Amino acid sequence: MSQSGHVRIERLDGPAAAEAEEAFRVVYAEAFAQPPYSETEADVSSAFRRFRSQTRKSAFIGALATTRDGEPVGMAYGYPLGPQTGWWDQLTQPVPADMRREDGHRTFGLMELAVRAHWRRQGIAHRLHDTLIATTDAERVLLNVHPESKAAVAAYRAWGYRKVGDAHPWPGAPSHEVMLLALDRRTGTNELRTPPLSSV
């Protein structure tokens, strides 16, 4: 029986996400300890040093999924990419200049999205994703995903993302797929060009 109806999704700005750091960390540590990531406690600590810096960005947005009794079950966060972002420089093959052009508003960078194992395949990841970008005025969303994370790749494709290249997000990192989602602004809303919620 699905438990997703008992899960609350909350959208958080930077200060609120910083206050909830431990909940984000619980989800991250469990989700990324598993293959293909196999992150260690040192990796988690490094990720949350970055998290503290990221939450200080004025346009940072987080989303946290919790049960009725407050247990964290999923999280997501990101922020718009500035003109000097190095994201496009990480690609193994260059993309056209117009694709990589950033102005601080055009592209929302989805930094992390994760759901703890017991709560997966109930639509929680998609709810987190849509909550995170529901009020952004960006034209598109950009993310990196490990190609061996088959469920994540399949979910992003089902939500309308397309692969635009491969990248090494940090020195020594394995190759990741770089995926882009165009947001539909024709109606003056933040409606996504995606199919209905999947079960992922």
Protein backbone atom coordinates (compact mmCIF):
# COMPACT_ATOMS: atom_id res chain seq x y z
CA MET A 1 0.00 0.00 0.00
CA SER A 2 1.33 3.43 -0.95
CA GLN A 3 2.40 5.68 1.86
CA SER A 4 2.94 8.73 -0.35
CA GLY A 5 -0.33 10.29 0.82
CA HIS A 6 1.13 10.49 4.31
CA VAL A 7 4.13 12.49 3.07
CA ARG A 8 4.24 16.29 3.25
CA ILE A 9 6.36 18.25 0.78
CA GLU A 10 7.59 21.64 1.96
CA ARG A 11 9.31 24.26 -0.15
CA LEU A 12 12.15 26.07 1.68
CA ASP A 13 14.23 29.14 1.01
CA GLY A 14 17.93 29.20 1.87
CA PRO A 15 17.68 30.13 5.58
CA ALA A 16 14.91 27.59 6.19
CA ALA A 17 16.86 24.86 4.39
CA ALA A 18 19.94 25.69 6.46
CA GLU A 19 17.84 25.24 9.61
CA ALA A 20 16.72 21.83 8.28
CA GLU A 21 20.24 20.72 7.30
CA GLU A 22 20.15 17.56 9.42
CA ALA A 23 16.99 16.31 7.65
CA PHE A 24 18.57 16.93 4.24
CA ARG A 25 21.71 15.15 5.43
CA VAL A 26 19.81 12.06 6.63
CA VAL A 27 18.26 11.59 3.19
CA TYR A 28 21.47 12.36 1.30
CA ALA A 29 23.65 10.06 3.39
CA GLU A 30 21.32 7.09 2.99
CA ALA A 31 20.55 7.57 -0.69
CA PHE A 32 24.10 8.17 -1.85
CA ALA A 33 25.74 5.48 0.28
CA GLN A 34 24.31 2.96 -2.18
CA PRO A 35 25.83 2.03 -5.55
CA PRO A 36 26.58 3.49 -8.02
CA TYR A 37 27.49 6.42 -5.75
CA SER A 38 28.94 4.59 -2.73
CA GLU A 39 29.68 7.85 -0.92
CA THR A 40 31.53 7.74 2.37
CA GLU A 41 30.93 9.84 5.46
CA ALA A 42 33.78 12.07 4.27
CA ASP A 43 31.94 12.57 0.97
CA VAL A 44 28.75 13.47 2.82
CA SER A 45 30.61 15.98 5.00
CA SER A 46 32.09 17.58 1.90
CA ALA A 47 28.66 17.76 0.25
CA PHE A 48 27.22 19.55 3.26
CA ARG A 49 30.02 22.06 3.43
CA ARG A 50 28.89 22.97 -0.10
CA PHE A 51 25.25 22.85 1.01
CA ARG A 52 25.88 25.51 3.67
CA SER A 53 27.43 27.77 1.06
CA GLN A 54 24.63 27.08 -1.42
CA THR A 55 21.87 27.91 1.06
CA ARG A 56 23.35 31.39 1.37
CA LYS A 57 22.52 32.12 -2.27
CA SER A 58 19.56 34.49 -2.43
CA ALA A 59 17.72 32.38 -5.04
CA PHE A 60 18.35 28.99 -3.42
CA ILE A 61 15.28 26.74 -3.26
CA GLY A 62 14.94 23.49 -1.32
CA ALA A 63 12.15 20.93 -1.02
CA LEU A 64 11.86 18.50 1.87
CA ALA A 65 9.55 15.48 2.14
CA THR A 66 8.63 14.28 5.62
CA THR A 67 6.14 11.91 7.21
CA ARG A 68 3.38 13.16 9.49
CA ASP A 69 5.64 12.58 12.47
CA GLY A 70 8.53 14.52 10.91
CA GLU A 71 10.72 11.71 9.58
CA PRO A 72 12.64 12.94 6.51
CA VAL A 73 12.06 10.76 3.45
CA GLY A 74 13.22 12.85 0.48
CA MET A 75 14.87 16.11 -0.48
CA ALA A 76 15.82 18.27 -3.45
CA TYR A 77 17.57 21.61 -3.89
CA GLY A 78 19.07 23.95 -6.42
CA TYR A 79 19.34 27.54 -7.64
CA PRO A 80 19.58 29.56 -10.88
CA LEU A 81 22.92 29.44 -12.66
CA GLY A 82 24.89 32.67 -12.89
CA PRO A 83 26.73 34.02 -15.94
CA GLN A 84 30.04 32.68 -14.64
CA THR A 85 28.84 29.15 -13.88
CA GLY A 86 31.35 26.41 -14.65
CA TRP A 87 28.64 23.80 -15.29
CA TRP A 88 28.95 23.91 -19.08
CA ASP A 89 32.74 23.78 -18.87
CA GLN A 90 32.53 20.28 -17.38
CA LEU A 91 31.10 18.75 -20.56
CA THR A 92 33.39 16.40 -22.46
CA GLN A 93 32.20 17.87 -25.78
CA PRO A 94 31.39 21.58 -26.21
CA VAL A 95 27.81 22.64 -26.84
CA PRO A 96 26.69 25.64 -28.94
CA ALA A 97 27.24 29.05 -27.39
CA ASP A 98 23.52 29.79 -27.30
CA MET A 99 22.85 26.63 -25.27
CA ARG A 100 25.46 27.48 -22.65
CA ARG A 101 24.51 31.15 -22.31
CA GLU A 102 23.51 31.98 -18.71
CA ASP A 103 22.29 35.23 -17.17
CA GLY A 104 21.30 34.27 -13.63
CA HIS A 105 17.67 33.62 -14.59
CA ARG A 106 17.60 31.42 -17.69
CA THR A 107 18.51 28.06 -16.12
CA PHE A 108 17.65 26.47 -12.78
CA GLY A 109 20.40 24.09 -11.70
CA LEU A 110 19.00 21.03 -9.92
CA MET A 111 21.84 20.12 -7.58
CA GLU A 112 20.39 17.13 -5.72
CA LEU A 113 17.22 15.04 -5.70
CA ALA A 114 16.95 11.91 -3.54
CA VAL A 115 14.41 9.72 -1.77
CA ARG A 116 15.22 7.14 0.89
CA ALA A 117 14.94 3.53 -0.32
CA HIS A 118 11.82 2.56 1.64
CA TRP A 119 9.87 5.45 0.11
CA ARG A 120 10.77 5.09 -3.55
CA ARG A 121 8.42 4.34 -6.47
CA GLN A 122 5.57 6.24 -4.87
CA GLY A 123 5.83 9.47 -6.87
CA ILE A 124 7.64 11.33 -4.08
CA ALA A 125 10.64 12.22 -6.24
CA HIS A 126 8.39 13.81 -8.85
CA ARG A 127 6.47 15.72 -6.18
CA LEU A 128 9.77 17.04 -4.79
CA HIS A 129 10.94 18.00 -8.27
CA ASP A 130 7.76 19.87 -9.14
CA THR A 131 7.59 21.60 -5.77
CA LEU A 132 11.16 22.77 -6.19
CA ILE A 133 10.65 24.44 -9.56
CA ALA A 134 6.97 25.40 -9.31
CA THR A 135 7.64 29.12 -8.84
CA THR A 136 10.90 29.55 -10.74
CA ASP A 137 10.86 31.94 -13.67
CA ALA A 138 13.64 29.98 -15.39
CA GLU A 139 13.23 28.79 -18.98
CA ARG A 140 14.79 25.39 -18.26
CA VAL A 141 16.22 23.03 -15.65
CA LEU A 142 19.69 21.47 -15.87
CA LEU A 143 21.05 18.47 -13.95
CA ASN A 144 23.76 15.81 -13.91
CA VAL A 145 22.87 12.16 -13.33
CA HIS A 146 25.04 9.08 -12.94
CA PRO A 147 24.28 6.85 -15.96
CA GLU A 148 24.35 3.71 -13.80
CA SER A 149 21.51 5.08 -11.69
CA LYS A 150 19.01 3.52 -14.10
CA ALA A 151 15.88 4.45 -12.14
CA ALA A 152 16.91 8.11 -11.95
CA VAL A 153 17.76 8.30 -15.65
CA ALA A 154 14.45 6.65 -16.58
CA ALA A 155 12.50 9.01 -14.31
CA TYR A 156 14.10 12.14 -15.74
CA ARG A 157 13.41 10.97 -19.27
CA ALA A 158 9.78 10.25 -18.36
CA TRP A 159 9.49 13.78 -16.92
CA GLY A 160 10.64 15.32 -20.21
CA TYR A 161 14.39 15.77 -19.77
CA ARG A 162 16.70 15.14 -22.71
CA LYS A 163 20.39 14.37 -22.67
CA VAL A 164 22.58 17.16 -24.02
CA GLY A 165 26.01 15.72 -23.25
CA ASP A 166 28.33 14.01 -20.80
CA ALA A 167 30.40 15.63 -18.08
CA HIS A 168 32.82 15.03 -15.24
CA PRO A 169 31.22 17.22 -12.52
CA TRP A 170 34.36 17.32 -10.38
CA PRO A 171 38.00 16.23 -10.82
CA GLY A 172 38.18 12.45 -10.84
CA ALA A 173 34.41 12.03 -11.08
CA PRO A 174 32.95 9.34 -13.34
CA SER A 175 31.12 10.48 -16.44
CA HIS A 176 27.61 11.79 -15.77
CA GLU A 177 24.80 12.46 -18.22
CA VAL A 178 23.86 16.14 -18.51
CA MET A 179 20.11 16.51 -18.95
CA LEU A 180 17.95 19.53 -19.76
CA LEU A 181 14.22 20.16 -19.27
CA ALA A 182 12.46 23.01 -21.11
CA LEU A 183 9.75 24.70 -19.06
CA ASP A 184 6.53 25.79 -20.72
CA ARG A 185 6.00 29.55 -20.36
CA ARG A 186 3.34 29.90 -23.07
CA THR A 187 0.47 29.92 -20.56
CA GLY A 188 2.15 32.36 -18.19
CA THR A 189 2.42 29.58 -15.61
CA ASN A 190 5.15 27.20 -14.55
CA GLU A 191 3.48 24.18 -16.14
CA LEU A 192 6.06 21.56 -17.11
CA ARG A 193 6.17 19.90 -20.49
CA THR A 194 6.08 16.48 -18.86
CA PRO A 195 3.70 13.51 -18.75
CA PRO A 196 1.55 12.84 -15.64
CA LEU A 197 3.24 11.79 -12.40
CA SER A 198 5.04 8.50 -12.74
CA SER A 199 5.37 5.83 -10.07
CA VAL A 200 9.09 6.40 -9.71
